[in-house]
Each structure stands twice: as C-alpha cells, then as structure tokens.
Amino acid sequence: MAENTNRGVFSIHGVTGMLIATVLLLSILVVLTVWGIGVQQKSASNFYDPSSITSSLDNVKENSKANANFAFQDAK
C-alpha cells in the first residue's frame, strides 16, 4: 500500500481552502447587503402612491362591473 505523501496544511484542501471559502462567502454577504441597502433606499425615495386609484371611485366601480362578468354565478 502506497503512503499519501501529498499532505500539506496550506494546500487547497487545508487551511488555504478554508480561508478561500470563508472570504468568498463573506464577499457574497457584503455584496448582497450593499445591494439590498441600495434597493431599499431607492424604494424609499420612489414609493408607491395609490392616490390616483383611490381618489376616484369611478375606477373601482368600473373594475367591479368588469369583474362581475367573471364572478361565480348560481345554477339556474
């Protein structure tokens, strides 16, 4: 049986591999956090304003009349 002589503490499977994986995971975490903060700031300054829909009940009545065609109807 041949002995494994390719062992090393700083090989890719050892400490170096663990450090590479840790740095990679932390960098992904940082990128996603910065991206999330940017999206949140953009949404805070450009929020949804439903006043154009709710200020006029005509929009709601028209939608209700159109939706009545698709509502459940009793058997006759």
PDB file of N, CA and C in Angstrom:
ATOM      1  N   MET A   1       0.852  -1.169   0.000  1.00  0.00           N
ATOM      2  CA  MET A   1       0.000   0.000   0.000  1.00  0.00           C
ATOM      3  C   MET A   1       0.901   1.237   0.000  1.00  0.00           C
ATOM      4  N   ALA A   2       0.590   2.164  -0.904  1.00  0.00           N
ATOM      5  CA  ALA A   2       1.402   3.371  -1.021  1.00  0.00           C
ATOM      6  C   ALA A   2       0.920   4.421  -0.032  1.00  0.00           C
ATOM      7  N   GLU A   3       1.874   5.087   0.571  1.00  0.00           N
ATOM      8  CA  GLU A   3       1.535   6.120   1.550  1.00  0.00           C
ATOM      9  C   GLU A   3       1.287   7.447   0.825  1.00  0.00           C
ATOM     10  N   ASN A   4       0.315   8.205   1.321  1.00  0.00           N
ATOM     11  CA  ASN A   4      -0.010   9.507   0.743  1.00  0.00           C
ATOM     12  C   ASN A   4       1.013  10.521   1.233  1.00  0.00           C
ATOM     13  N   THR A   5       1.858  10.988   0.320  1.00  0.00           N
ATOM     14  CA  THR A   5       2.901  11.948   0.704  1.00  0.00           C
ATOM     15  C   THR A   5       2.550  13.358   0.256  1.00  0.00           C
ATOM     16  N   ASN A   6       1.378  13.556  -0.333  1.00  0.00           N
ATOM     17  CA  ASN A   6       0.972  14.880  -0.813  1.00  0.00           C
ATOM     18  C   ASN A   6       0.115  15.598   0.225  1.00  0.00           C
ATOM     19  N   ARG A   7       0.508  15.514   1.466  1.00  0.00           N
ATOM     20  CA  ARG A   7      -0.244  16.188   2.509  1.00  0.00           C
ATOM     21  C   ARG A   7       0.389  17.545   2.801  1.00  0.00           C
ATOM     22  N   GLY A   8      -0.439  18.505   3.135  1.00  0.00           N
ATOM     23  CA  GLY A   8       0.077  19.814   3.494  1.00  0.00           C
ATOM     24  C   GLY A   8      -0.993  20.622   4.209  1.00  0.00           C
ATOM     25  N   VAL A   9      -0.575  21.356   5.194  1.00  0.00           N
ATOM     26  CA  VAL A   9      -1.520  22.177   5.948  1.00  0.00           C
ATOM     27  C   VAL A   9      -2.044  23.318   5.089  1.00  0.00           C
ATOM     28  N   PHE A  10      -1.218  23.874   4.224  1.00  0.00           N
ATOM     29  CA  PHE A  10      -1.605  25.033   3.421  1.00  0.00           C
ATOM     30  C   PHE A  10      -1.987  24.648   1.986  1.00  0.00           C
ATOM     31  N   SER A  11      -2.413  23.437   1.783  1.00  0.00           N
ATOM     32  CA  SER A  11      -2.901  23.054   0.454  1.00  0.00           C
ATOM     33  C   SER A  11      -4.336  23.543   0.293  1.00  0.00           C
ATOM     34  N   ILE A  12      -4.884  23.379  -0.904  1.00  0.00           N
ATOM     35  CA  ILE A  12      -6.240  23.866  -1.181  1.00  0.00           C
ATOM     36  C   ILE A  12      -7.257  23.162  -0.274  1.00  0.00           C
ATOM     37  N   HIS A  13      -6.981  21.948   0.117  1.00  0.00           N
ATOM     38  CA  HIS A  13      -7.909  21.206   0.969  1.00  0.00           C
ATOM     39  C   HIS A  13      -7.692  21.508   2.455  1.00  0.00           C
ATOM     40  N   GLY A  14      -6.701  22.275   2.778  1.00  0.00           N
ATOM     41  CA  GLY A  14      -6.404  22.559   4.174  1.00  0.00           C
ATOM     42  C   GLY A  14      -6.853  23.946   4.583  1.00  0.00           C
ATOM     43  N   VAL A  15      -5.973  24.645   5.270  1.00  0.00           N
ATOM     44  CA  VAL A  15      -6.275  25.970   5.797  1.00  0.00           C
ATOM     45  C   VAL A  15      -6.536  26.961   4.663  1.00  0.00           C
ATOM     46  N   THR A  16      -5.781  26.864   3.582  1.00  0.00           N
ATOM     47  CA  THR A  16      -5.957  27.788   2.462  1.00  0.00           C
ATOM     48  C   THR A  16      -7.339  27.642   1.839  1.00  0.00           C
ATOM     49  N   GLY A  17      -7.771  26.419   1.666  1.00  0.00           N
ATOM     50  CA  GLY A  17      -9.109  26.192   1.123  1.00  0.00           C
ATOM     51  C   GLY A  17     -10.196  26.726   2.024  1.00  0.00           C
ATOM     52  N   MET A  18     -10.018  26.552   3.325  1.00  0.00           N
ATOM     53  CA  MET A  18     -10.990  27.089   4.287  1.00  0.00           C
ATOM     54  C   MET A  18     -11.015  28.615   4.226  1.00  0.00           C
ATOM     55  N   LEU A  19      -9.854  29.242   4.121  1.00  0.00           N
ATOM     56  CA  LEU A  19      -9.798  30.702   4.034  1.00  0.00           C
ATOM     57  C   LEU A  19     -10.403  31.212   2.736  1.00  0.00           C
ATOM     58  N   ILE A  20     -10.161  30.520   1.638  1.00  0.00           N
ATOM     59  CA  ILE A  20     -10.751  30.923   0.360  1.00  0.00           C
ATOM     60  C   ILE A  20     -12.272  30.840   0.439  1.00  0.00           C
ATOM     61  N   ALA A  21     -12.791  29.748   0.999  1.00  0.00           N
ATOM     62  CA  ALA A  21     -14.243  29.587   1.123  1.00  0.00           C
ATOM     63  C   ALA A  21     -14.830  30.655   2.039  1.00  0.00           C
ATOM     64  N   THR A  22     -14.162  30.955   3.140  1.00  0.00           N
ATOM     65  CA  THR A  22     -14.659  31.963   4.081  1.00  0.00           C
ATOM     66  C   THR A  22     -14.677  33.346   3.443  1.00  0.00           C
ATOM     67  N   VAL A  23     -13.611  33.710   2.755  1.00  0.00           N
ATOM     68  CA  VAL A  23     -13.540  35.013   2.091  1.00  0.00           C
ATOM     69  C   VAL A  23     -14.592  35.113   0.987  1.00  0.00           C
ATOM     70  N   LEU A  24     -14.795  34.047   0.262  1.00  0.00           N
ATOM     71  CA  LEU A  24     -15.806  34.033  -0.794  1.00  0.00           C
ATOM     72  C   LEU A  24     -17.204  34.221  -0.211  1.00  0.00           C
ATOM     73  N   LEU A  25     -17.523  33.505   0.851  1.00  0.00           N
ATOM     74  CA  LEU A  25     -18.841  33.645   1.473  1.00  0.00           C
ATOM     75  C   LEU A  25     -19.045  35.033   2.077  1.00  0.00           C
ATOM     76  N   LEU A  26     -18.013  35.589   2.709  1.00  0.00           N
ATOM     77  CA  LEU A  26     -18.135  36.931   3.278  1.00  0.00           C
ATOM     78  C   LEU A  26     -18.280  37.986   2.188  1.00  0.00           C
ATOM     79  N   SER A  27     -17.590  37.798   1.071  1.00  0.00           N
ATOM     80  CA  SER A  27     -17.729  38.774  -0.016  1.00  0.00           C
ATOM     81  C   SER A  27     -19.121  38.705  -0.634  1.00  0.00           C
ATOM     82  N   ILE A  28     -19.689  37.512  -0.764  1.00  0.00           N
ATOM     83  CA  ILE A  28     -21.063  37.390  -1.250  1.00  0.00           C
ATOM     84  C   ILE A  28     -22.022  38.063  -0.283  1.00  0.00           C
ATOM     85  N   LEU A  29     -21.802  37.891   1.007  1.00  0.00           N
ATOM     86  CA  LEU A  29     -22.640  38.534   2.020  1.00  0.00           C
ATOM     87  C   LEU A  29     -22.566  40.052   1.920  1.00  0.00           C
ATOM     88  N   VAL A  30     -21.379  40.591   1.736  1.00  0.00           N
ATOM     89  CA  VAL A  30     -21.204  42.043   1.637  1.00  0.00           C
ATOM     90  C   VAL A  30     -21.887  42.580   0.383  1.00  0.00           C
ATOM     91  N   VAL A  31     -21.714  41.893  -0.738  1.00  0.00           N
ATOM     92  CA  VAL A  31     -22.319  42.351  -1.992  1.00  0.00           C
ATOM     93  C   VAL A  31     -23.841  42.347  -1.881  1.00  0.00           C
ATOM     94  N   LEU A  32     -24.424  41.281  -1.348  1.00  0.00           N
ATOM     95  CA  LEU A  32     -25.881  41.217  -1.220  1.00  0.00           C
ATOM     96  C   LEU A  32     -26.413  42.246  -0.225  1.00  0.00           C
ATOM     97  N   THR A  33     -25.666  42.520   0.838  1.00  0.00           N
ATOM     98  CA  THR A  33     -26.088  43.523   1.807  1.00  0.00           C
ATOM     99  C   THR A  33     -26.077  44.917   1.188  1.00  0.00           C
ATOM    100  N   VAL A  34     -25.007  45.257   0.476  1.00  0.00           N
ATOM    101  CA  VAL A  34     -24.919  46.568  -0.167  1.00  0.00           C
ATOM    102  C   VAL A  34     -26.010  46.708  -1.224  1.00  0.00           C
ATOM    103  N   TRP A  35     -26.263  45.662  -1.970  1.00  0.00           N
ATOM    104  CA  TRP A  35     -27.305  45.675  -2.992  1.00  0.00           C
ATOM    105  C   TRP A  35     -28.687  45.857  -2.362  1.00  0.00           C
ATOM    106  N   GLY A  36     -28.936  45.166  -1.259  1.00  0.00           N
ATOM    107  CA  GLY A  36     -30.210  45.296  -0.553  1.00  0.00           C
ATOM    108  C   GLY A  36     -30.416  46.691   0.011  1.00  0.00           C
ATOM    109  N   ILE A  37     -29.371  47.282   0.563  1.00  0.00           N
ATOM    110  CA  ILE A  37     -29.479  48.647   1.096  1.00  0.00           C
ATOM    111  C   ILE A  37     -29.757  49.633  -0.036  1.00  0.00           C
ATOM    112  N   GLY A  38     -29.123  49.436  -1.178  1.00  0.00           N
ATOM    113  CA  GLY A  38     -29.371  50.309  -2.326  1.00  0.00           C
ATOM    114  C   GLY A  38     -30.803  50.213  -2.825  1.00  0.00           C
ATOM    115  N   VAL A  39     -31.333  49.004  -2.885  1.00  0.00           N
ATOM    116  CA  VAL A  39     -32.723  48.817  -3.318  1.00  0.00           C
ATOM    117  C   VAL A  39     -33.680  49.452  -2.324  1.00  0.00           C
ATOM    118  N   GLN A  40     -33.386  49.300  -1.042  1.00  0.00           N
ATOM    119  CA  GLN A  40     -34.253  49.878  -0.016  1.00  0.00           C
ATOM    120  C   GLN A  40     -34.239  51.411  -0.075  1.00  0.00           C
ATOM    121  N   GLN A  41     -33.080  52.009  -0.284  1.00  0.00           N
ATOM    122  CA  GLN A  41     -33.007  53.469  -0.389  1.00  0.00           C
ATOM    123  C   GLN A  41     -33.726  53.968  -1.639  1.00  0.00           C
ATOM    124  N   LYS A  42     -33.606  53.228  -2.736  1.00  0.00           N
ATOM    125  CA  LYS A  42     -34.280  53.620  -3.964  1.00  0.00           C
ATOM    126  C   LYS A  42     -35.797  53.521  -3.789  1.00  0.00           C
ATOM    127  N   SER A  43     -36.271  52.491  -3.099  1.00  0.00           N
ATOM    128  CA  SER A  43     -37.707  52.335  -2.867  1.00  0.00           C
ATOM    129  C   SER A  43     -38.236  53.385  -1.900  1.00  0.00           C
ATOM    130  N   ALA A  44     -37.422  53.806  -0.966  1.00  0.00           N
ATOM    131  CA  ALA A  44     -37.864  54.820  -0.006  1.00  0.00           C
ATOM    132  C   ALA A  44     -38.048  56.172  -0.678  1.00  0.00           C
ATOM    133  N   SER A  45     -37.243  56.472  -1.680  1.00  0.00           N
ATOM    134  CA  SER A  45     -37.371  57.757  -2.352  1.00  0.00           C
ATOM    135  C   SER A  45     -38.363  57.707  -3.517  1.00  0.00           C
ATOM    136  N   ASN A  46     -38.731  56.519  -3.972  1.00  0.00           N
ATOM    137  CA  ASN A  46     -39.661  56.375  -5.087  1.00  0.00           C
ATOM    138  C   ASN A  46     -40.764  55.403  -4.673  1.00  0.00           C
ATOM    139  N   PHE A  47     -41.518  55.766  -3.659  1.00  0.00           N
ATOM    140  CA  PHE A  47     -42.521  54.856  -3.102  1.00  0.00           C
ATOM    141  C   PHE A  47     -43.778  54.849  -3.959  1.00  0.00           C
ATOM    142  N   TYR A  48     -44.597  53.836  -3.737  1.00  0.00           N
ATOM    143  CA  TYR A  48     -45.831  53.670  -4.496  1.00  0.00           C
ATOM    144  C   TYR A  48     -46.899  54.611  -3.945  1.00  0.00           C
ATOM    145  N   ASP A  49     -47.539  55.369  -4.822  1.00  0.00           N
ATOM    146  CA  ASP A  49     -48.572  56.317  -4.417  1.00  0.00           C
ATOM    147  C   ASP A  49     -49.909  55.886  -5.019  1.00  0.00           C
ATOM    148  N   PRO A  50     -50.804  55.311  -4.215  1.00  0.00           N
ATOM    149  CA  PRO A  50     -52.078  54.825  -4.750  1.00  0.00           C
ATOM    150  C   PRO A  50     -53.148  55.905  -4.842  1.00  0.00           C
ATOM    151  N   SER A  51     -52.811  57.184  -4.680  1.00  0.00           N
ATOM    152  CA  SER A  51     -53.828  58.233  -4.664  1.00  0.00           C
ATOM    153  C   SER A  51     -54.550  58.358  -6.001  1.00  0.00           C
ATOM    154  N   SER A  52     -53.877  58.049  -7.106  1.00  0.00           N
ATOM    155  CA  SER A  52     -54.549  58.147  -8.399  1.00  0.00           C
ATOM    156  C   SER A  52     -55.635  57.087  -8.546  1.00  0.00           C
ATOM    157  N   ILE A  53     -55.505  56.003  -7.838  1.00  0.00           N
ATOM    158  CA  ILE A  53     -56.512  54.940  -7.909  1.00  0.00           C
ATOM    159  C   ILE A  53     -57.630  55.189  -6.896  1.00  0.00           C
ATOM    160  N   THR A  54     -57.262  55.519  -5.669  1.00  0.00           N
ATOM    161  CA  THR A  54     -58.252  55.633  -4.600  1.00  0.00           C
ATOM    162  C   THR A  54     -58.946  56.986  -4.564  1.00  0.00           C
ATOM    163  N   SER A  55     -58.417  57.993  -5.254  1.00  0.00           N
ATOM    164  CA  SER A  55     -59.048  59.304  -5.201  1.00  0.00           C
ATOM    165  C   SER A  55     -60.356  59.322  -5.985  1.00  0.00           C
ATOM    166  N   SER A  56     -60.474  58.482  -6.986  1.00  0.00           N
ATOM    167  CA  SER A  56     -61.683  58.435  -7.790  1.00  0.00           C
ATOM    168  C   SER A  56     -62.310  57.056  -7.657  1.00  0.00           C
ATOM    169  N   LEU A  57     -63.568  57.025  -7.184  1.00  0.00           N
ATOM    170  CA  LEU A  57     -64.239  55.738  -7.035  1.00  0.00           C
ATOM    171  C   LEU A  57     -64.751  55.209  -8.363  1.00  0.00           C
ATOM    172  N   ASP A  58     -64.688  56.006  -9.412  1.00  0.00           N
ATOM    173  CA  ASP A  58     -65.114  55.531 -10.726  1.00  0.00           C
ATOM    174  C   ASP A  58     -64.233  54.366 -11.192  1.00  0.00           C
ATOM    175  N   ASN A  59     -62.945  54.443 -10.873  1.00  0.00           N
ATOM    176  CA  ASN A  59     -62.049  53.344 -11.237  1.00  0.00           C
ATOM    177  C   ASN A  59     -62.473  52.054 -10.551  1.00  0.00           C
ATOM    178  N   VAL A  60     -62.840  52.148  -9.284  1.00  0.00           N
ATOM    179  CA  VAL A  60     -63.232  50.968  -8.528  1.00  0.00           C
ATOM    180  C   VAL A  60     -64.552  50.428  -9.056  1.00  0.00           C
ATOM    181  N   LYS A  61     -65.498  51.296  -9.368  1.00  0.00           N
ATOM    182  CA  LYS A  61     -66.794  50.853  -9.873  1.00  0.00           C
ATOM    183  C   LYS A  61     -66.654  50.178 -11.230  1.00  0.00           C
ATOM    184  N   GLU A  62     -65.798  50.738 -12.100  1.00  0.00           N
ATOM    185  CA  GLU A  62     -65.595  50.134 -13.417  1.00  0.00           C
ATOM    186  C   GLU A  62     -64.979  48.749 -13.286  1.00  0.00           C
ATOM    187  N   ASN A  63     -64.008  48.628 -12.397  1.00  0.00           N
ATOM    188  CA  ASN A  63     -63.389  47.321 -12.200  1.00  0.00           C
ATOM    189  C   ASN A  63     -64.390  46.338 -11.618  1.00  0.00           C
ATOM    190  N   SER A  64     -65.256  46.801 -10.718  1.00  0.00           N
ATOM    191  CA  SER A  64     -66.235  45.914 -10.115  1.00  0.00           C
ATOM    192  C   SER A  64     -67.233  45.418 -11.149  1.00  0.00           C
ATOM    193  N   LYS A  65     -67.645  46.300 -12.067  1.00  0.00           N
ATOM    194  CA  LYS A  65     -68.579  45.887 -13.106  1.00  0.00           C
ATOM    195  C   LYS A  65     -67.929  44.888 -14.057  1.00  0.00           C
ATOM    196  N   ALA A  66     -66.694  45.120 -14.376  1.00  0.00           N
ATOM    197  CA  ALA A  66     -65.994  44.192 -15.268  1.00  0.00           C
ATOM    198  C   ALA A  66     -65.752  42.855 -14.587  1.00  0.00           C
ATOM    199  N   ASN A  67     -65.447  42.866 -13.295  1.00  0.00           N
ATOM    200  CA  ASN A  67     -65.196  41.626 -12.571  1.00  0.00           C
ATOM    201  C   ASN A  67     -66.471  40.837 -12.331  1.00  0.00           C
ATOM    202  N   ALA A  68     -67.636  41.502 -12.382  1.00  0.00           N
ATOM    203  CA  ALA A  68     -68.897  40.792 -12.174  1.00  0.00           C
ATOM    204  C   ALA A  68     -69.126  39.767 -13.271  1.00  0.00           C
ATOM    205  N   ASN A  69     -68.562  39.984 -14.436  1.00  0.00           N
ATOM    206  CA  ASN A  69     -68.706  39.007 -15.517  1.00  0.00           C
ATOM    207  C   ASN A  69     -67.984  37.700 -15.217  1.00  0.00           C
ATOM    208  N   PHE A  70     -66.965  37.756 -14.370  1.00  0.00           N
ATOM    209  CA  PHE A  70     -66.176  36.573 -14.068  1.00  0.00           C
ATOM    210  C   PHE A  70     -66.513  35.984 -12.710  1.00  0.00           C
ATOM    211  N   ALA A  71     -67.457  36.574 -11.996  1.00  0.00           N
ATOM    212  CA  ALA A  71     -67.794  36.090 -10.661  1.00  0.00           C
ATOM    213  C   ALA A  71     -68.599  34.802 -10.757  1.00  0.00           C
ATOM    214  N   PHE A  72     -68.656  34.088  -9.647  1.00  0.00           N
ATOM    215  CA  PHE A  72     -69.410  32.844  -9.601  1.00  0.00           C
ATOM    216  C   PHE A  72     -70.895  33.148  -9.729  1.00  0.00           C
ATOM    217  N   GLN A  73     -71.566  32.411 -10.576  1.00  0.00           N
ATOM    218  CA  GLN A  73     -72.990  32.594 -10.759  1.00  0.00           C
ATOM    219  C   GLN A  73     -73.704  31.311 -10.368  1.00  0.00           C
ATOM    220  N   ASP A  74     -74.814  31.463  -9.671  1.00  0.00           N
ATOM    221  CA  ASP A  74     -75.567  30.286  -9.242  1.00  0.00           C
ATOM    222  C   ASP A  74     -76.187  29.582 -10.449  1.00  0.00           C
ATOM    223  N   ALA A  75     -76.356  28.275 -10.291  1.00  0.00           N
ATOM    224  CA  ALA A  75     -77.030  27.499 -11.340  1.00  0.00           C
ATOM    225  C   ALA A  75     -78.490  27.865 -11.371  1.00  0.00           C
ATOM    226  N   LYS A  76     -79.055  27.920 -12.542  1.00  0.00           N
ATOM    227  CA  LYS A  76     -80.457  28.328 -12.667  1.00  0.00           C
ATOM    228  C   LYS A  76     -81.330  27.144 -12.999  1.00  0.00           C
TER     229      LYS A  76
END
